[in-house]
Amino acid sequence: MAWIYLVIAGLLEIGWPIGLKISQNSDTRWQGIAIAVAFLVASGLMLWLAQRQISMGTSYAVWTGIGAAGTFLVGILFYNDAATFGRIAGVLMIISGVITLKISS
């Protein structure tokens, strides 16, 4: 169950940078901030639950890895972020590190 909490925490981690992006527009500033705070709290709660059974270092690395890779993908798909070879290679290295951590635990 702890790994399910951790994956959920990582997926929720994607929401707060999206909220911050939404808050860049003055018309949606407060909605974006509210979204960011809600996702931060929910993600932190799931991480806290996961850390009851998964070591702190592993859970934090997996949490940030899922969040970073997911945010990268959302940025490319919805915000026209660059999809260069180097950026994609970097995210693939993050993903491979997360997989290695899961296999090693």
PDB file of N, CA and C in Angstrom:
ATOM      1  N   MET A   1       0.812  -1.198   0.000  1.00  0.00           N
ATOM      2  CA  MET A   1       0.000   0.000   0.000  1.00  0.00           C
ATOM      3  C   MET A   1       0.859   1.266   0.000  1.00  0.00           C
ATOM      4  N   ALA A   2       2.024   1.198   0.633  1.00  0.00           N
ATOM      5  CA  ALA A   2       2.896   2.375   0.716  1.00  0.00           C
ATOM      6  C   ALA A   2       3.332   2.845  -0.665  1.00  0.00           C
ATOM      7  N   TRP A   3       3.605   1.909  -1.569  1.00  0.00           N
ATOM      8  CA  TRP A   3       4.015   2.304  -2.920  1.00  0.00           C
ATOM      9  C   TRP A   3       2.857   2.942  -3.680  1.00  0.00           C
ATOM     10  N   ILE A   4       1.653   2.518  -3.407  1.00  0.00           N
ATOM     11  CA  ILE A   4       0.489   3.167  -4.031  1.00  0.00           C
ATOM     12  C   ILE A   4       0.387   4.611  -3.528  1.00  0.00           C
ATOM     13  N   TYR A   5       0.543   4.808  -2.218  1.00  0.00           N
ATOM     14  CA  TYR A   5       0.547   6.164  -1.671  1.00  0.00           C
ATOM     15  C   TYR A   5       1.634   7.011  -2.328  1.00  0.00           C
ATOM     16  N   LEU A   6       2.797   6.394  -2.525  1.00  0.00           N
ATOM     17  CA  LEU A   6       3.917   7.134  -3.094  1.00  0.00           C
ATOM     18  C   LEU A   6       3.654   7.523  -4.544  1.00  0.00           C
ATOM     19  N   VAL A   7       3.102   6.629  -5.324  1.00  0.00           N
ATOM     20  CA  VAL A   7       2.780   6.962  -6.722  1.00  0.00           C
ATOM     21  C   VAL A   7       1.720   8.063  -6.769  1.00  0.00           C
ATOM     22  N   ILE A   8       0.706   7.960  -5.911  1.00  0.00           N
ATOM     23  CA  ILE A   8      -0.318   9.005  -5.856  1.00  0.00           C
ATOM     24  C   ILE A   8       0.317  10.339  -5.457  1.00  0.00           C
ATOM     25  N   ALA A   9       1.214  10.303  -4.478  1.00  0.00           N
ATOM     26  CA  ALA A   9       1.908  11.524  -4.051  1.00  0.00           C
ATOM     27  C   ALA A   9       2.679  12.138  -5.211  1.00  0.00           C
ATOM     28  N   GLY A  10       3.361  11.300  -5.980  1.00  0.00           N
ATOM     29  CA  GLY A  10       4.122  11.791  -7.129  1.00  0.00           C
ATOM     30  C   GLY A  10       3.227  12.398  -8.194  1.00  0.00           C
ATOM     31  N   LEU A  11       2.096  11.761  -8.450  1.00  0.00           N
ATOM     32  CA  LEU A  11       1.159  12.303  -9.440  1.00  0.00           C
ATOM     33  C   LEU A  11       0.553  13.621  -8.955  1.00  0.00           C
ATOM     34  N   LEU A  12       0.243  13.702  -7.670  1.00  0.00           N
ATOM     35  CA  LEU A  12      -0.272  14.953  -7.115  1.00  0.00           C
ATOM     36  C   LEU A  12       0.794  16.052  -7.143  1.00  0.00           C
ATOM     37  N   GLU A  13       2.043  15.657  -7.084  1.00  0.00           N
ATOM     38  CA  GLU A  13       3.155  16.606  -7.132  1.00  0.00           C
ATOM     39  C   GLU A  13       3.147  17.404  -8.443  1.00  0.00           C
ATOM     40  N   ILE A  14       2.578  16.839  -9.485  1.00  0.00           N
ATOM     41  CA  ILE A  14       2.487  17.517 -10.775  1.00  0.00           C
ATOM     42  C   ILE A  14       1.532  18.709 -10.701  1.00  0.00           C
ATOM     43  N   GLY A  15       0.562  18.660  -9.812  1.00  0.00           N
ATOM     44  CA  GLY A  15      -0.483  19.679  -9.766  1.00  0.00           C
ATOM     45  C   GLY A  15      -0.041  21.039  -9.282  1.00  0.00           C
ATOM     46  N   TRP A  16       0.895  21.087  -8.335  1.00  0.00           N
ATOM     47  CA  TRP A  16       1.223  22.409  -7.802  1.00  0.00           C
ATOM     48  C   TRP A  16       2.012  23.276  -8.772  1.00  0.00           C
ATOM     49  N   PRO A  17       2.944  22.759  -9.585  1.00  0.00           N
ATOM     50  CA  PRO A  17       3.562  23.640 -10.579  1.00  0.00           C
ATOM     51  C   PRO A  17       2.555  24.130 -11.635  1.00  0.00           C
ATOM     52  N   ILE A  18       1.554  23.291 -11.922  1.00  0.00           N
ATOM     53  CA  ILE A  18       0.505  23.727 -12.844  1.00  0.00           C
ATOM     54  C   ILE A  18      -0.271  24.886 -12.204  1.00  0.00           C
ATOM     55  N   GLY A  19      -0.585  24.763 -10.929  1.00  0.00           N
ATOM     56  CA  GLY A  19      -1.251  25.858 -10.231  1.00  0.00           C
ATOM     57  C   GLY A  19      -0.424  27.133 -10.264  1.00  0.00           C
ATOM     58  N   LEU A  20       0.888  27.014 -10.069  1.00  0.00           N
ATOM     59  CA  LEU A  20       1.750  28.195 -10.127  1.00  0.00           C
ATOM     60  C   LEU A  20       1.761  28.796 -11.528  1.00  0.00           C
ATOM     61  N   LYS A  21       1.734  27.943 -12.546  1.00  0.00           N
ATOM     62  CA  LYS A  21       1.680  28.429 -13.934  1.00  0.00           C
ATOM     63  C   LYS A  21       0.370  29.179 -14.173  1.00  0.00           C
ATOM     64  N   ILE A  22      -0.729  28.621 -13.694  1.00  0.00           N
ATOM     65  CA  ILE A  22      -2.033  29.274 -13.839  1.00  0.00           C
ATOM     66  C   ILE A  22      -2.032  30.627 -13.120  1.00  0.00           C
ATOM     67  N   SER A  23      -1.345  30.711 -12.007  1.00  0.00           N
ATOM     68  CA  SER A  23      -1.326  31.951 -11.227  1.00  0.00           C
ATOM     69  C   SER A  23      -0.511  33.061 -11.888  1.00  0.00           C
ATOM     70  N   GLN A  24       0.225  32.756 -12.939  1.00  0.00           N
ATOM     71  CA  GLN A  24       0.997  33.780 -13.641  1.00  0.00           C
ATOM     72  C   GLN A  24       0.099  34.789 -14.355  1.00  0.00           C
ATOM     73  N   ASN A  25      -1.123  34.393 -14.667  1.00  0.00           N
ATOM     74  CA  ASN A  25      -2.098  35.277 -15.302  1.00  0.00           C
ATOM     75  C   ASN A  25      -2.848  36.024 -14.204  1.00  0.00           C
ATOM     76  N   SER A  26      -2.891  37.341 -14.280  1.00  0.00           N
ATOM     77  CA  SER A  26      -3.529  38.119 -13.210  1.00  0.00           C
ATOM     78  C   SER A  26      -5.014  37.802 -13.053  1.00  0.00           C
ATOM     79  N   ASP A  27      -5.671  37.341 -14.108  1.00  0.00           N
ATOM     80  CA  ASP A  27      -7.090  36.990 -14.017  1.00  0.00           C
ATOM     81  C   ASP A  27      -7.327  35.709 -13.222  1.00  0.00           C
ATOM     82  N   THR A  28      -6.337  34.830 -13.186  1.00  0.00           N
ATOM     83  CA  THR A  28      -6.499  33.536 -12.509  1.00  0.00           C
ATOM     84  C   THR A  28      -5.483  33.351 -11.376  1.00  0.00           C
ATOM     85  N   ARG A  29      -4.924  34.467 -10.905  1.00  0.00           N
ATOM     86  CA  ARG A  29      -3.864  34.385  -9.896  1.00  0.00           C
ATOM     87  C   ARG A  29      -4.295  33.612  -8.658  1.00  0.00           C
ATOM     88  N   TRP A  30      -5.424  33.974  -8.054  1.00  0.00           N
ATOM     89  CA  TRP A  30      -5.822  33.356  -6.796  1.00  0.00           C
ATOM     90  C   TRP A  30      -6.303  31.927  -6.984  1.00  0.00           C
ATOM     91  N   GLN A  31      -6.940  31.637  -8.115  1.00  0.00           N
ATOM     92  CA  GLN A  31      -7.331  30.253  -8.390  1.00  0.00           C
ATOM     93  C   GLN A  31      -6.089  29.374  -8.536  1.00  0.00           C
ATOM     94  N   GLY A  32      -5.085  29.885  -9.243  1.00  0.00           N
ATOM     95  CA  GLY A  32      -3.846  29.132  -9.415  1.00  0.00           C
ATOM     96  C   GLY A  32      -3.133  28.877  -8.107  1.00  0.00           C
ATOM     97  N   ILE A  33      -3.086  29.895  -7.252  1.00  0.00           N
ATOM     98  CA  ILE A  33      -2.455  29.733  -5.943  1.00  0.00           C
ATOM     99  C   ILE A  33      -3.216  28.704  -5.111  1.00  0.00           C
ATOM    100  N   ALA A  34      -4.549  28.762  -5.160  1.00  0.00           N
ATOM    101  CA  ALA A  34      -5.362  27.788  -4.412  1.00  0.00           C
ATOM    102  C   ALA A  34      -5.119  26.370  -4.921  1.00  0.00           C
ATOM    103  N   ILE A  35      -5.028  26.221  -6.231  1.00  0.00           N
ATOM    104  CA  ILE A  35      -4.744  24.905  -6.818  1.00  0.00           C
ATOM    105  C   ILE A  35      -3.379  24.413  -6.342  1.00  0.00           C
ATOM    106  N   ALA A  36      -2.375  25.285  -6.397  1.00  0.00           N
ATOM    107  CA  ALA A  36      -1.021  24.902  -5.984  1.00  0.00           C
ATOM    108  C   ALA A  36      -1.001  24.459  -4.520  1.00  0.00           C
ATOM    109  N   VAL A  37      -1.627  25.222  -3.649  1.00  0.00           N
ATOM    110  CA  VAL A  37      -1.632  24.885  -2.225  1.00  0.00           C
ATOM    111  C   VAL A  37      -2.359  23.566  -1.976  1.00  0.00           C
ATOM    112  N   ALA A  38      -3.500  23.375  -2.644  1.00  0.00           N
ATOM    113  CA  ALA A  38      -4.266  22.129  -2.460  1.00  0.00           C
ATOM    114  C   ALA A  38      -3.446  20.914  -2.888  1.00  0.00           C
ATOM    115  N   PHE A  39      -2.761  21.016  -4.022  1.00  0.00           N
ATOM    116  CA  PHE A  39      -1.953  19.889  -4.487  1.00  0.00           C
ATOM    117  C   PHE A  39      -0.737  19.671  -3.602  1.00  0.00           C
ATOM    118  N   LEU A  40      -0.140  20.750  -3.099  1.00  0.00           N
ATOM    119  CA  LEU A  40       0.990  20.608  -2.175  1.00  0.00           C
ATOM    120  C   LEU A  40       0.581  19.849  -0.923  1.00  0.00           C
ATOM    121  N   VAL A  41      -0.546  20.222  -0.356  1.00  0.00           N
ATOM    122  CA  VAL A  41      -1.016  19.569   0.867  1.00  0.00           C
ATOM    123  C   VAL A  41      -1.346  18.100   0.606  1.00  0.00           C
ATOM    124  N   ALA A  42      -2.095  17.837  -0.475  1.00  0.00           N
ATOM    125  CA  ALA A  42      -2.486  16.454  -0.785  1.00  0.00           C
ATOM    126  C   ALA A  42      -1.261  15.592  -1.088  1.00  0.00           C
ATOM    127  N   SER A  43      -0.323  16.139  -1.848  1.00  0.00           N
ATOM    128  CA  SER A  43       0.889  15.396  -2.181  1.00  0.00           C
ATOM    129  C   SER A  43       1.721  15.123  -0.937  1.00  0.00           C
ATOM    130  N   GLY A  44       1.854  16.129  -0.084  1.00  0.00           N
ATOM    131  CA  GLY A  44       2.604  15.949   1.161  1.00  0.00           C
ATOM    132  C   GLY A  44       1.974  14.912   2.076  1.00  0.00           C
ATOM    133  N   LEU A  45       0.664  14.886   2.140  1.00  0.00           N
ATOM    134  CA  LEU A  45      -0.031  13.895   2.960  1.00  0.00           C
ATOM    135  C   LEU A  45       0.238  12.481   2.444  1.00  0.00           C
ATOM    136  N   MET A  46       0.154  12.299   1.140  1.00  0.00           N
ATOM    137  CA  MET A  46       0.418  10.970   0.566  1.00  0.00           C
ATOM    138  C   MET A  46       1.875  10.561   0.780  1.00  0.00           C
ATOM    139  N   LEU A  47       2.797  11.517   0.656  1.00  0.00           N
ATOM    140  CA  LEU A  47       4.207  11.214   0.917  1.00  0.00           C
ATOM    141  C   LEU A  47       4.398  10.816   2.376  1.00  0.00           C
ATOM    142  N   TRP A  48       3.746  11.505   3.275  1.00  0.00           N
ATOM    143  CA  TRP A  48       3.836  11.181   4.701  1.00  0.00           C
ATOM    144  C   TRP A  48       3.355   9.754   4.956  1.00  0.00           C
ATOM    145  N   LEU A  49       2.237   9.387   4.321  1.00  0.00           N
ATOM    146  CA  LEU A  49       1.715   8.021   4.479  1.00  0.00           C
ATOM    147  C   LEU A  49       2.697   6.989   3.911  1.00  0.00           C
ATOM    148  N   ALA A  50       3.286   7.298   2.775  1.00  0.00           N
ATOM    149  CA  ALA A  50       4.231   6.367   2.141  1.00  0.00           C
ATOM    150  C   ALA A  50       5.475   6.168   3.005  1.00  0.00           C
ATOM    151  N   GLN A  51       5.931   7.239   3.657  1.00  0.00           N
ATOM    152  CA  GLN A  51       7.166   7.161   4.430  1.00  0.00           C
ATOM    153  C   GLN A  51       7.028   6.343   5.706  1.00  0.00           C
ATOM    154  N   ARG A  52       5.840   5.923   6.020  1.00  0.00           N
ATOM    155  CA  ARG A  52       5.690   5.039   7.179  1.00  0.00           C
ATOM    156  C   ARG A  52       6.317   3.674   6.903  1.00  0.00           C
ATOM    157  N   GLN A  53       6.416   3.289   5.623  1.00  0.00           N
ATOM    158  CA  GLN A  53       6.985   1.980   5.280  1.00  0.00           C
ATOM    159  C   GLN A  53       8.152   2.058   4.297  1.00  0.00           C
ATOM    160  N   ILE A  54       8.308   3.153   3.618  1.00  0.00           N
ATOM    161  CA  ILE A  54       9.389   3.308   2.636  1.00  0.00           C
ATOM    162  C   ILE A  54      10.386   4.309   3.204  1.00  0.00           C
ATOM    163  N   SER A  55      11.676   4.024   3.038  1.00  0.00           N
ATOM    164  CA  SER A  55      12.696   4.916   3.593  1.00  0.00           C
ATOM    165  C   SER A  55      12.556   6.330   3.044  1.00  0.00           C
ATOM    166  N   MET A  56      12.990   7.282   3.847  1.00  0.00           N
ATOM    167  CA  MET A  56      12.848   8.684   3.494  1.00  0.00           C
ATOM    168  C   MET A  56      13.563   9.022   2.181  1.00  0.00           C
ATOM    169  N   GLY A  57      14.788   8.562   2.026  1.00  0.00           N
ATOM    170  CA  GLY A  57      15.550   8.875   0.820  1.00  0.00           C
ATOM    171  C   GLY A  57      14.916   8.315  -0.435  1.00  0.00           C
ATOM    172  N   THR A  58      14.488   7.056  -0.363  1.00  0.00           N
ATOM    173  CA  THR A  58      13.848   6.434  -1.523  1.00  0.00           C
ATOM    174  C   THR A  58      12.528   7.107  -1.835  1.00  0.00           C
ATOM    175  N   SER A  59      11.706   7.331  -0.822  1.00  0.00           N
ATOM    176  CA  SER A  59      10.391   7.919  -1.081  1.00  0.00           C
ATOM    177  C   SER A  59      10.516   9.335  -1.623  1.00  0.00           C
ATOM    178  N   TYR A  60      11.441  10.112  -1.097  1.00  0.00           N
ATOM    179  CA  TYR A  60      11.602  11.478  -1.584  1.00  0.00           C
ATOM    180  C   TYR A  60      12.096  11.489  -3.028  1.00  0.00           C
ATOM    181  N   ALA A  61      13.057  10.635  -3.345  1.00  0.00           N
ATOM    182  CA  ALA A  61      13.584  10.591  -4.709  1.00  0.00           C
ATOM    183  C   ALA A  61      12.514  10.152  -5.712  1.00  0.00           C
ATOM    184  N   VAL A  62      11.739   9.144  -5.347  1.00  0.00           N
ATOM    185  CA  VAL A  62      10.670   8.681  -6.234  1.00  0.00           C
ATOM    186  C   VAL A  62       9.604   9.761  -6.383  1.00  0.00           C
ATOM    187  N   TRP A  63       9.233  10.385  -5.286  1.00  0.00           N
ATOM    188  CA  TRP A  63       8.218  11.443  -5.288  1.00  0.00           C
ATOM    189  C   TRP A  63       8.620  12.590  -6.210  1.00  0.00           C
ATOM    190  N   THR A  64       9.836  13.080  -6.041  1.00  0.00           N
ATOM    191  CA  THR A  64      10.276  14.195  -6.878  1.00  0.00           C
ATOM    192  C   THR A  64      10.502  13.758  -8.320  1.00  0.00           C
ATOM    193  N   GLY A  65      10.935  12.505  -8.517  1.00  0.00           N
ATOM    194  CA  GLY A  65      11.138  12.005  -9.878  1.00  0.00           C
ATOM    195  C   GLY A  65       9.836  11.934 -10.660  1.00  0.00           C
ATOM    196  N   ILE A  66       8.804  11.386 -10.028  1.00  0.00           N
ATOM    197  CA  ILE A  66       7.499  11.321 -10.690  1.00  0.00           C
ATOM    198  C   ILE A  66       6.990  12.732 -10.956  1.00  0.00           C
ATOM    199  N   GLY A  67       7.129  13.595  -9.972  1.00  0.00           N
ATOM    200  CA  GLY A  67       6.676  14.972 -10.148  1.00  0.00           C
ATOM    201  C   GLY A  67       7.428  15.705 -11.242  1.00  0.00           C
ATOM    202  N   ALA A  68       8.743  15.539 -11.287  1.00  0.00           N
ATOM    203  CA  ALA A  68       9.551  16.218 -12.299  1.00  0.00           C
ATOM    204  C   ALA A  68       9.242  15.710 -13.703  1.00  0.00           C
ATOM    205  N   ALA A  69       9.194  14.392 -13.856  1.00  0.00           N
ATOM    206  CA  ALA A  69       8.912  13.820 -15.173  1.00  0.00           C
ATOM    207  C   ALA A  69       7.492  14.168 -15.621  1.00  0.00           C
ATOM    208  N   GLY A  70       6.543  14.097 -14.711  1.00  0.00           N
ATOM    209  CA  GLY A  70       5.161  14.420 -15.060  1.00  0.00           C
ATOM    210  C   GLY A  70       4.986  15.882 -15.418  1.00  0.00           C
ATOM    211  N   THR A  71       5.619  16.762 -14.653  1.00  0.00           N
ATOM    212  CA  THR A  71       5.533  18.189 -14.943  1.00  0.00           C
ATOM    213  C   THR A  71       6.197  18.505 -16.271  1.00  0.00           C
ATOM    214  N   PHE A  72       7.308  17.855 -16.555  1.00  0.00           N
ATOM    215  CA  PHE A  72       7.991  18.006 -17.840  1.00  0.00           C
ATOM    216  C   PHE A  72       7.043  17.634 -18.982  1.00  0.00           C
ATOM    217  N   LEU A  73       6.367  16.506 -18.850  1.00  0.00           N
ATOM    218  CA  LEU A  73       5.450  16.046 -19.892  1.00  0.00           C
ATOM    219  C   LEU A  73       4.267  17.003 -20.060  1.00  0.00           C
ATOM    220  N   VAL A  74       3.684  17.462 -18.962  1.00  0.00           N
ATOM    221  CA  VAL A  74       2.578  18.424 -19.028  1.00  0.00           C
ATOM    222  C   VAL A  74       3.041  19.716 -19.703  1.00  0.00           C
ATOM    223  N   GLY A  75       4.239  20.155 -19.368  1.00  0.00           N
ATOM    224  CA  GLY A  75       4.785  21.369 -19.986  1.00  0.00           C
ATOM    225  C   GLY A  75       4.901  21.246 -21.499  1.00  0.00           C
ATOM    226  N   ILE A  76       5.358  20.103 -21.954  1.00  0.00           N
ATOM    227  CA  ILE A  76       5.484  19.888 -23.399  1.00  0.00           C
ATOM    228  C   ILE A  76       4.104  19.802 -24.054  1.00  0.00           C
ATOM    229  N   LEU A  77       3.206  19.035 -23.455  1.00  0.00           N
ATOM    230  CA  LEU A  77       1.903  18.787 -24.076  1.00  0.00           C
ATOM    231  C   LEU A  77       0.960  19.979 -24.030  1.00  0.00           C
ATOM    232  N   PHE A  78       1.012  20.782 -22.960  1.00  0.00           N
ATOM    233  CA  PHE A  78       0.008  21.828 -22.777  1.00  0.00           C
ATOM    234  C   PHE A  78       0.545  23.254 -22.731  1.00  0.00           C
ATOM    235  N   TYR A  79       1.849  23.419 -22.530  1.00  0.00           N
ATOM    236  CA  TYR A  79       2.402  24.765 -22.383  1.00  0.00           C
ATOM    237  C   TYR A  79       3.514  25.068 -23.386  1.00  0.00           C
ATOM    238  N   ASN A  80       3.632  24.273 -24.419  1.00  0.00           N
ATOM    239  CA  ASN A  80       4.598  24.502 -25.495  1.00  0.00           C
ATOM    240  C   ASN A  80       6.042  24.598 -25.017  1.00  0.00           C
ATOM    241  N   ASP A  81       6.394  23.849 -23.978  1.00  0.00           N
ATOM    242  CA  ASP A  81       7.789  23.786 -23.546  1.00  0.00           C
ATOM    243  C   ASP A  81       8.601  23.030 -24.600  1.00  0.00           C
ATOM    244  N   ALA A  82       9.864  23.342 -24.691  1.00  0.00           N
ATOM    245  CA  ALA A  82      10.735  22.705 -25.682  1.00  0.00           C
ATOM    246  C   ALA A  82      10.909  21.217 -25.384  1.00  0.00           C
ATOM    247  N   ALA A  83      10.925  20.426 -26.444  1.00  0.00           N
ATOM    248  CA  ALA A  83      11.141  18.979 -26.329  1.00  0.00           C
ATOM    249  C   ALA A  83      12.442  18.622 -27.047  1.00  0.00           C
ATOM    250  N   THR A  84      13.551  19.145 -26.541  1.00  0.00           N
ATOM    251  CA  THR A  84      14.842  18.888 -27.162  1.00  0.00           C
ATOM    252  C   THR A  84      15.380  17.520 -26.738  1.00  0.00           C
ATOM    253  N   PHE A  85      16.341  17.052 -27.482  1.00  0.00           N
ATOM    254  CA  PHE A  85      16.951  15.752 -27.179  1.00  0.00           C
ATOM    255  C   PHE A  85      17.525  15.734 -25.767  1.00  0.00           C
ATOM    256  N   GLY A  86      18.242  16.786 -25.401  1.00  0.00           N
ATOM    257  CA  GLY A  86      18.872  16.834 -24.080  1.00  0.00           C
ATOM    258  C   GLY A  86      17.857  16.816 -22.949  1.00  0.00           C
ATOM    259  N   ARG A  87      16.772  17.556 -23.099  1.00  0.00           N
ATOM    260  CA  ARG A  87      15.744  17.587 -22.055  1.00  0.00           C
ATOM    261  C   ARG A  87      15.079  16.225 -21.928  1.00  0.00           C
ATOM    262  N   ILE A  88      14.764  15.612 -23.050  1.00  0.00           N
ATOM    263  CA  ILE A  88      14.133  14.289 -23.012  1.00  0.00           C
ATOM    264  C   ILE A  88      15.089  13.260 -22.413  1.00  0.00           C
ATOM    265  N   ALA A  89      16.364  13.322 -22.800  1.00  0.00           N
ATOM    266  CA  ALA A  89      17.349  12.396 -22.240  1.00  0.00           C
ATOM    267  C   ALA A  89      17.467  12.571 -20.725  1.00  0.00           C
ATOM    268  N   GLY A  90      17.438  13.807 -20.266  1.00  0.00           N
ATOM    269  CA  GLY A  90      17.509  14.065 -18.832  1.00  0.00           C
ATOM    270  C   GLY A  90      16.331  13.472 -18.076  1.00  0.00           C
ATOM    271  N   VAL A  91      15.129  13.617 -18.625  1.00  0.00           N
ATOM    272  CA  VAL A  91      13.946  13.053 -17.966  1.00  0.00           C
ATOM    273  C   VAL A  91      13.993  11.532 -18.003  1.00  0.00           C
ATOM    274  N   LEU A  92      14.474  10.969 -19.075  1.00  0.00           N
ATOM    275  CA  LEU A  92      14.608   9.511 -19.133  1.00  0.00           C
ATOM    276  C   LEU A  92      15.588   9.004 -18.080  1.00  0.00           C
ATOM    277  N   MET A  93      16.629   9.778 -17.803  1.00  0.00           N
ATOM    278  CA  MET A  93      17.560   9.394 -16.741  1.00  0.00           C
ATOM    279  C   MET A  93      16.881   9.464 -15.367  1.00  0.00           C
ATOM    280  N   ILE A  94      16.036  10.474 -15.160  1.00  0.00           N
ATOM    281  CA  ILE A  94      15.285  10.565 -13.900  1.00  0.00           C
ATOM    282  C   ILE A  94      14.384   9.347 -13.750  1.00  0.00           C
ATOM    283  N   ILE A  95      13.669   9.004 -14.807  1.00  0.00           N
ATOM    284  CA  ILE A  95      12.763   7.857 -14.772  1.00  0.00           C
ATOM    285  C   ILE A  95      13.528   6.568 -14.508  1.00  0.00           C
ATOM    286  N   SER A  96      14.681   6.404 -15.152  1.00  0.00           N
ATOM    287  CA  SER A  96      15.466   5.185 -14.922  1.00  0.00           C
ATOM    288  C   SER A  96      15.973   5.138 -13.481  1.00  0.00           C
ATOM    289  N   GLY A  97      16.295   6.283 -12.903  1.00  0.00           N
ATOM    290  CA  GLY A  97      16.698   6.316 -11.501  1.00  0.00           C
ATOM    291  C   GLY A  97      15.566   5.916 -10.568  1.00  0.00           C
ATOM    292  N   VAL A  98      14.356   6.386 -10.865  1.00  0.00           N
ATOM    293  CA  VAL A  98      13.191   6.013 -10.056  1.00  0.00           C
ATOM    294  C   VAL A  98      12.947   4.508 -10.146  1.00  0.00           C
ATOM    295  N   ILE A  99      13.040   3.964 -11.341  1.00  0.00           N
ATOM    296  CA  ILE A  99      12.855   2.511 -11.526  1.00  0.00           C
ATOM    297  C   ILE A  99      13.919   1.743 -10.750  1.00  0.00           C
ATOM    298  N   THR A 100      15.154   2.216 -10.811  1.00  0.00           N
ATOM    299  CA  THR A 100      16.243   1.552 -10.069  1.00  0.00           C
ATOM    300  C   THR A 100      15.973   1.583  -8.572  1.00  0.00           C
ATOM    301  N   LEU A 101      15.492   2.708  -8.055  1.00  0.00           N
ATOM    302  CA  LEU A 101      15.175   2.796  -6.634  1.00  0.00           C
ATOM    303  C   LEU A 101      14.077   1.806  -6.255  1.00  0.00           C
ATOM    304  N   LYS A 102      13.074   1.685  -7.107  1.00  0.00           N
ATOM    305  CA  LYS A 102      11.971   0.737  -6.821  1.00  0.00           C
ATOM    306  C   LYS A 102      12.487  -0.688  -6.815  1.00  0.00           C
ATOM    307  N   ILE A 103      13.295  -1.047  -7.792  1.00  0.00           N
ATOM    308  CA  ILE A 103      13.831  -2.409  -7.875  1.00  0.00           C
ATOM    309  C   ILE A 103      14.755  -2.696  -6.692  1.00  0.00           C
ATOM    310  N   SER A 104      15.527  -1.689  -6.274  1.00  0.00           N
ATOM    311  CA  SER A 104      16.492  -1.887  -5.200  1.00  0.00           C
ATOM    312  C   SER A 104      15.864  -1.972  -3.813  1.00  0.00           C
ATOM    313  N   SER A 105      14.649  -1.471  -3.689  1.00  0.00           N
ATOM    314  CA  SER A 105      14.029  -1.524  -2.358  1.00  0.00           C
ATOM    315  C   SER A 105      13.250  -2.781  -2.256  1.00  0.00           C
TER     316      SER A 105
END
